[in-house]
Amino acid sequence: QLVESGGGLVQAGGSSRLSCVASGRTFAPYAMGWFRQAPGKKREFVASIRWHGGDQYYADSVKGRFAISRDSAQKISLQKNNLKPEDTATYYCAENVYNNGEYDDWGQGTQVTVTS
């Protein structure tokens, strides 16, 4: 089970931090990531991190503004800086535990609203 936290209202240009905690496993996953879905749009990839090696991947729209980190085997965070109104979305955490080519589990999402 994945539980996100840290969503809320923030002004454009501001910063906020999302966290995601996994329960039900004690070992590190292959990778974890963040996705988002804005109203009327498809869910899109935001960022991901692999545990071994720490490789990080970002969507072009957030490069240089967002940073994903692995805080423990069960927790990741997403630091979001210089937020824009177009970053408004529900943010979802996901995990790829066994490197099977897809994300196995998803959180319920947390709403981030950026006001101009």
Protein backbone atom coordinates (compact mmCIF):
# COMPACT_ATOMS: atom_id res chain seq x y z
CA GLN A 1 0.00 0.00 0.00
CA LEU A 2 1.24 3.46 -0.89
CA VAL A 3 0.13 6.63 0.86
CA GLU A 4 0.94 10.09 -0.43
CA SER A 5 1.01 13.27 1.62
CA GLY A 6 1.97 16.90 1.21
CA GLY A 7 -0.54 18.12 -1.31
CA GLY A 8 -2.36 21.40 -0.96
CA LEU A 9 -2.62 24.93 -2.25
CA VAL A 10 0.48 26.87 -3.25
CA GLN A 11 1.11 30.09 -5.13
CA ALA A 12 2.86 30.14 -8.47
CA GLY A 13 6.59 30.39 -7.97
CA GLY A 14 6.37 28.66 -4.64
CA SER A 15 7.57 25.27 -3.48
CA SER A 16 6.10 22.22 -1.85
CA ARG A 17 7.14 18.69 -1.05
CA LEU A 18 5.26 15.45 -1.51
CA SER A 19 6.04 12.25 0.32
CA CYS A 20 5.05 8.67 -0.31
CA VAL A 21 5.29 5.86 2.20
CA ALA A 22 4.99 2.20 1.30
CA SER A 23 3.77 -0.42 3.72
CA GLY A 24 3.79 -4.18 3.48
CA ARG A 25 7.42 -4.69 2.48
CA THR A 26 10.72 -4.32 4.27
CA PHE A 27 13.05 -4.48 1.27
CA ALA A 28 13.83 -1.78 -1.25
CA PRO A 29 11.92 -1.84 -4.56
CA TYR A 30 13.45 -1.76 -8.03
CA ALA A 31 12.06 1.72 -8.61
CA MET A 32 9.44 4.19 -7.47
CA GLY A 33 7.94 7.11 -9.26
CA TRP A 34 5.51 9.98 -9.37
CA PHE A 35 2.77 10.54 -11.90
CA ARG A 36 0.10 13.21 -12.15
CA GLN A 37 -3.27 13.72 -13.72
CA ALA A 38 -4.84 17.09 -14.39
CA PRO A 39 -8.59 17.48 -14.91
CA GLY A 40 -9.58 16.34 -18.36
CA LYS A 41 -6.13 15.00 -19.16
CA LYS A 42 -4.45 11.60 -19.15
CA ARG A 43 -2.17 10.58 -16.34
CA GLU A 44 1.43 11.47 -17.14
CA PHE A 45 4.85 10.52 -15.88
CA VAL A 46 6.59 13.07 -13.65
CA ALA A 47 9.70 11.46 -12.17
CA SER A 48 11.16 8.15 -11.09
CA ILE A 49 14.14 6.80 -9.23
CA ARG A 50 15.86 3.42 -9.25
CA TRP A 51 17.13 2.15 -5.94
CA HIS A 52 20.36 0.54 -7.11
CA GLY A 53 22.46 3.27 -8.61
CA GLY A 54 19.99 6.00 -7.82
CA ASP A 55 19.25 6.84 -11.47
CA GLN A 56 16.61 9.53 -11.76
CA TYR A 57 14.31 10.32 -14.66
CA TYR A 58 12.14 13.37 -15.20
CA ALA A 59 9.51 14.60 -17.59
CA ASP A 60 10.77 17.52 -19.66
CA SER A 61 8.08 19.73 -18.17
CA VAL A 62 9.53 19.42 -14.65
CA LYS A 63 13.27 19.09 -15.28
CA GLY A 64 15.22 21.59 -13.26
CA ARG A 65 12.24 22.34 -11.03
CA PHE A 66 11.35 19.01 -9.41
CA ALA A 67 13.64 16.61 -7.57
CA ILE A 68 12.83 13.05 -6.56
CA SER A 69 14.62 11.45 -3.64
CA ARG A 70 14.64 8.11 -1.87
CA ASP A 71 14.46 8.66 1.85
CA SER A 72 14.35 5.02 2.90
CA ALA A 73 13.39 1.62 1.50
CA GLN A 74 9.77 2.58 2.07
CA LYS A 75 9.69 6.31 1.37
CA ILE A 76 10.28 8.71 -1.48
CA SER A 77 9.76 12.43 -1.78
CA LEU A 78 9.21 14.91 -4.57
CA GLN A 79 10.50 18.43 -4.01
CA LYS A 80 8.70 20.84 -6.30
CA ASN A 81 10.13 24.31 -6.86
CA ASN A 82 9.07 27.22 -9.04
CA LEU A 83 5.59 25.79 -9.31
CA LYS A 84 3.38 26.83 -12.20
CA PRO A 85 -0.40 26.75 -12.56
CA GLU A 86 0.02 23.96 -15.12
CA ASP A 87 1.49 21.80 -12.35
CA THR A 88 -1.98 21.63 -10.83
CA ALA A 89 -2.98 17.98 -10.73
CA THR A 90 -3.54 14.96 -8.58
CA TYR A 91 -0.13 13.43 -7.90
CA TYR A 92 0.22 9.68 -7.59
CA CYS A 93 3.02 7.62 -6.17
CA ALA A 94 3.78 4.23 -7.72
CA GLU A 95 6.24 1.42 -7.21
CA ASN A 96 7.86 -1.16 -9.46
CA VAL A 97 8.96 -3.65 -6.87
CA TYR A 98 10.38 -6.52 -8.92
CA ASN A 99 11.51 -4.87 -12.19
CA ASN A 100 8.73 -6.52 -14.13
CA GLY A 101 8.30 -3.70 -16.60
CA GLU A 102 5.40 -1.97 -14.95
CA TYR A 103 4.37 -0.23 -11.78
CA ASP A 104 2.78 -2.79 -9.47
CA ASP A 105 1.08 -0.60 -6.94
CA TRP A 106 -0.36 2.90 -6.84
CA GLY A 107 -1.35 5.34 -4.16
CA GLN A 108 -4.68 7.10 -3.94
CA GLY A 109 -3.21 10.43 -4.97
CA THR A 110 -2.83 13.84 -3.39
CA GLN A 111 -4.11 17.06 -4.90
CA VAL A 112 -1.72 19.90 -5.67
CA THR A 113 -3.25 23.21 -6.74
CA VAL A 114 -1.06 26.07 -7.92
CA THR A 115 -2.70 29.49 -7.98
CA SER A 116 -1.53 32.33 -10.20
